[in-house]
Protein backbone atom coordinates (compact mmCIF):
# COMPACT_ATOMS: atom_id res chain seq x y z
CA MET A 1 90.73 94.91 90.07
CA LYS A 2 88.75 98.25 90.93
CA ASP A 3 90.13 100.02 93.33
CA THR A 4 87.12 103.07 93.70
CA ALA A 5 86.60 105.83 96.26
CA LYS A 6 83.90 104.18 97.83
CA HIS A 7 86.23 101.80 98.78
CA GLN A 8 88.92 104.52 99.67
CA GLY A 9 86.49 105.47 102.32
CA LEU A 10 85.67 102.49 103.32
CA ARG A 11 88.98 102.22 104.02
CA ASN A 12 89.27 105.50 105.87
CA GLN A 13 86.57 103.97 108.02
CA LEU A 14 88.25 101.09 108.68
CA VAL A 15 91.49 102.99 110.03
CA SER A 16 89.25 105.18 112.30
CA THR A 17 87.84 101.90 113.83
CA LEU A 18 91.94 100.29 114.33
CA GLU A 19 92.39 103.62 115.83
CA GLN A 20 89.30 103.27 118.34
CA LYS A 21 90.89 99.82 118.82
CA GLY A 22 94.47 100.89 120.07
CA ILE A 23 97.07 100.77 116.87
CA THR A 24 98.77 103.67 117.10
CA ASP A 25 101.94 103.35 114.64
CA ARG A 26 101.17 105.74 112.04
CA ALA A 27 102.86 103.93 108.92
CA VAL A 28 101.16 100.49 109.94
CA LEU A 29 98.09 103.01 109.69
CA ASP A 30 97.93 104.83 106.84
CA ALA A 31 99.73 101.30 104.67
CA ILE A 32 95.93 100.12 105.67
CA LYS A 33 94.89 103.17 104.15
CA LYS A 34 96.33 102.10 100.84
CA ILE A 35 95.52 98.58 100.22
CA PRO A 36 92.39 97.70 98.10
CA ARG A 37 91.51 94.63 101.17
CA HIS A 38 88.74 93.85 98.31
CA LEU A 39 91.08 92.44 95.92
CA PHE A 40 92.42 89.74 97.86
CA LEU A 41 89.32 88.63 98.90
CA ASN A 42 86.20 86.17 97.07
CA SER A 43 84.92 89.27 94.83
CA SER A 44 81.70 87.95 96.76
CA PHE A 45 83.12 88.96 99.78
CA GLU A 46 83.82 92.50 98.59
CA ASP A 47 80.81 94.16 100.43
CA PHE A 48 82.49 93.06 104.07
CA ALA A 49 86.13 93.28 102.59
CA TYR A 50 86.96 96.18 104.97
CA GLN A 51 84.66 95.12 107.77
CA ASP A 52 87.09 94.13 110.59
CA LYS A 53 86.76 91.01 110.58
CA ALA A 54 88.50 87.31 109.29
CA PHE A 55 87.04 86.02 106.01
CA PRO A 56 87.26 82.47 104.02
CA ILE A 57 89.96 82.30 101.39
CA GLY A 58 90.05 78.43 100.25
CA ALA A 59 92.28 75.69 101.43
CA GLY A 60 90.85 75.95 104.82
CA GLN A 61 92.54 79.42 105.48
CA THR A 62 91.39 83.04 106.52
CA ILE A 63 91.70 86.22 105.89
CA SER A 64 92.72 87.90 108.98
CA GLN A 65 91.25 90.38 110.64
CA PRO A 66 92.63 94.44 109.65
CA TYR A 67 93.29 94.81 113.58
CA THR A 68 95.35 91.66 113.58
CA VAL A 69 97.00 92.46 110.59
CA ALA A 70 97.93 95.51 112.03
CA PHE A 71 98.72 94.41 116.15
CA GLN A 72 101.26 91.85 114.49
CA SER A 73 102.76 94.63 112.04
CA GLN A 74 103.21 96.79 114.71
CA LEU A 75 104.21 94.89 117.14
CA LEU A 76 107.36 93.95 114.05
CA GLU A 77 108.43 97.31 114.44
CA VAL A 78 109.03 97.50 110.39
CA LYS A 79 111.94 100.24 109.13
CA LYS A 80 112.35 100.37 105.58
CA ASP A 81 114.32 97.74 104.08
CA HIS A 82 114.08 95.83 106.59
CA LYS A 83 114.43 91.64 105.48
CA ILE A 84 110.94 89.89 106.80
CA LEU A 85 110.33 86.56 106.96
CA GLU A 86 106.73 85.82 106.65
CA ILE A 87 105.34 82.45 107.42
CA GLY A 88 101.91 81.93 105.83
CA THR A 89 101.27 83.83 102.41
CA GLY A 90 97.70 83.24 102.73
CA SER A 91 95.56 85.77 100.79
CA GLY A 92 98.72 87.52 100.69
CA TYR A 93 97.03 91.05 102.38
CA GLN A 94 99.52 90.87 105.06
CA THR A 95 102.63 90.15 102.69
CA ALA A 96 101.15 93.82 101.13
CA VAL A 97 101.12 95.65 104.29
CA LEU A 98 104.90 94.94 104.76
CA PHE A 99 105.61 96.35 100.78
CA ALA A 100 103.76 99.38 101.91
CA LEU A 101 105.75 99.67 104.80
CA GLY A 102 109.36 99.33 103.29
CA ALA A 103 110.49 95.80 104.14
CA LYS A 104 112.17 93.27 101.46
CA VAL A 105 109.20 90.45 102.36
CA TYR A 106 110.44 87.09 101.96
CA THR A 107 107.63 84.80 102.11
CA ILE A 108 106.45 80.91 102.43
CA GLU A 109 102.66 79.16 101.84
CA ARG A 110 102.08 75.85 102.48
CA GLN A 111 99.24 75.48 99.94
CA ASN A 112 99.33 75.05 96.30
CA GLU A 113 96.14 76.91 95.65
CA LEU A 114 97.31 79.68 97.48
CA PHE A 115 100.70 80.45 96.60
CA LYS A 116 99.52 79.43 93.17
CA GLN A 117 96.78 83.49 94.10
CA THR A 118 99.45 85.00 95.14
CA SER A 119 102.18 84.25 92.74
CA ILE A 120 99.08 85.81 89.85
CA LEU A 121 97.82 88.60 92.14
CA PHE A 122 101.34 90.42 93.55
CA PRO A 123 102.01 91.42 90.04
CA LYS A 124 98.61 92.78 89.18
CA LEU A 125 98.96 95.34 92.09
CA ASN A 126 102.09 96.21 91.42
CA ILE A 127 103.33 94.22 95.12
CA ARG A 128 107.21 92.78 94.95
CA PRO A 129 108.22 90.49 97.74
CA LYS A 130 111.76 89.28 97.56
CA HIS A 131 110.75 85.77 97.36
CA VAL A 132 107.53 83.64 97.71
CA SER A 133 107.85 80.23 97.75
CA PHE A 134 105.58 77.20 98.04
CA GLY A 135 107.13 75.23 101.19
CA ASP A 136 106.89 74.31 105.11
CA GLY A 137 106.73 77.64 107.13
CA TYR A 138 108.31 75.68 109.95
CA LYS A 139 111.67 75.12 108.17
CA GLY A 140 111.88 78.98 107.95
CA LEU A 141 114.53 80.06 104.71
CA PRO A 142 117.91 79.16 106.38
CA HIS A 143 119.46 80.14 102.96
CA TYR A 144 118.74 83.56 103.52
CA ALA A 145 118.49 84.14 106.94
CA PRO A 146 119.54 85.66 108.97
CA PHE A 147 116.42 88.31 109.43
CA ASP A 148 115.60 91.09 111.05
CA SER A 149 112.45 90.13 111.80
CA ILE A 150 109.73 86.79 111.44
CA ILE A 151 106.10 86.77 111.45
CA VAL A 152 104.04 83.78 112.27
CA THR A 153 100.31 84.59 110.34
CA ALA A 154 98.74 81.57 111.80
CA GLY A 155 99.10 79.53 114.77
CA ALA A 156 101.54 77.49 116.32
CA PRO A 157 101.41 74.98 119.64
CA PHE A 158 105.26 75.94 120.11
CA ILE A 159 107.75 77.98 118.80
CA PRO A 160 109.82 76.04 115.71
CA GLN A 161 114.16 76.22 116.77
CA PRO A 162 114.62 76.91 113.06
CA LEU A 163 113.27 79.84 112.80
CA MET A 164 114.75 81.05 116.22
CA ALA A 165 117.27 80.12 114.86
CA GLN A 166 117.10 82.89 111.71
CA LEU A 167 116.19 85.73 113.66
CA LYS A 168 119.09 88.42 113.97
CA ILE A 169 120.44 89.50 117.45
CA GLY A 170 117.64 92.31 118.62
CA GLY A 171 115.71 90.67 116.12
CA ARG A 172 111.39 90.17 116.30
CA LEU A 173 109.49 87.06 116.17
CA VAL A 174 105.46 87.19 116.81
CA ILE A 175 104.41 84.51 116.58
CA PRO A 176 100.39 83.38 117.64
CA LEU A 177 100.80 80.51 120.03
CA GLY A 178 98.04 77.82 121.85
CA GLU A 179 96.39 75.54 120.36
CA ASP A 180 92.32 76.43 120.01
CA VAL A 181 92.98 79.89 121.72
CA GLN A 182 96.67 81.91 120.80
CA ILE A 183 98.52 83.99 122.76
CA MET A 184 99.87 86.84 120.89
CA THR A 185 103.31 86.70 121.71
CA LEU A 186 106.78 88.52 120.66
CA LEU A 187 110.22 87.87 121.01
CA ILE A 188 113.08 89.30 120.54
CA ARG A 189 116.89 88.24 120.37
CA LYS A 190 118.81 88.91 122.96
CA ASN A 191 122.24 87.17 122.21
CA GLU A 192 123.27 84.03 120.37
CA THR A 193 121.30 82.13 123.00
CA GLN A 194 118.82 84.58 125.11
CA PHE A 195 115.31 85.77 124.26
CA GLU A 196 113.12 87.59 125.80
CA LYS A 197 109.27 87.29 126.23
CA HIS A 198 106.98 89.10 126.29
CA GLU A 199 102.99 88.34 126.11
CA PHE A 200 99.86 89.96 124.60
CA GLY A 201 96.95 88.95 125.16
CA GLU A 202 94.60 85.86 122.80
CA PHE A 203 93.61 86.11 119.13
CA ARG A 204 91.97 83.54 117.10
CA PHE A 205 94.09 81.40 114.08
CA VAL A 206 93.73 78.99 111.84
CA PRO A 207 96.45 76.47 112.86
CA LEU A 208 99.92 76.14 111.64
CA LEU A 209 100.00 73.20 109.78
CA GLU A 210 103.85 71.32 108.65
CA ASP A 211 104.76 69.89 105.55
CA LYS A 212 103.05 71.46 102.57
CA ASN A 213 100.00 70.66 100.52
């Protein structure tokens, strides 16, 4: 679990790349500058860990491109102690970014292999989500609701109704919507029944699957 000056140098370069691509949220950039992304990847990919690319992590899943992680994190407008629900723990990298931003993170993963990996990895890196669970992300975590924001880290053909129900009034739900290519979508809950919708261009994600595996 080594993190060296060389890794830090590569992270600084990555942050410059993200700034050039339009990421402006200082706290998000600082989190990315701090988190050892190479430790969330298979060691054979270590040399590529700080390129702005997505990589396979097992169970047919990927670790999202840093730009995508930064973009989604920026849309959430995270404040310290915000309660955030993350659908799709994956490698745990996005979880680590949210934790570094001061959020109380509740995260769900439906692939048992990935769930086990992150359960071991988080304590080693001193990342302490409030709750890490193995289960179906479509259902959310109703007994921990409501949440200040919800982030979905896989492409979804529609917005799961339970997730909308678990969002606080004024809360933000960030989800990549669509089948082959996804449109990054932000929903802001205005009141009990109304949501304001914003769309932010195309991204590519692995599909959000129902049930657990």
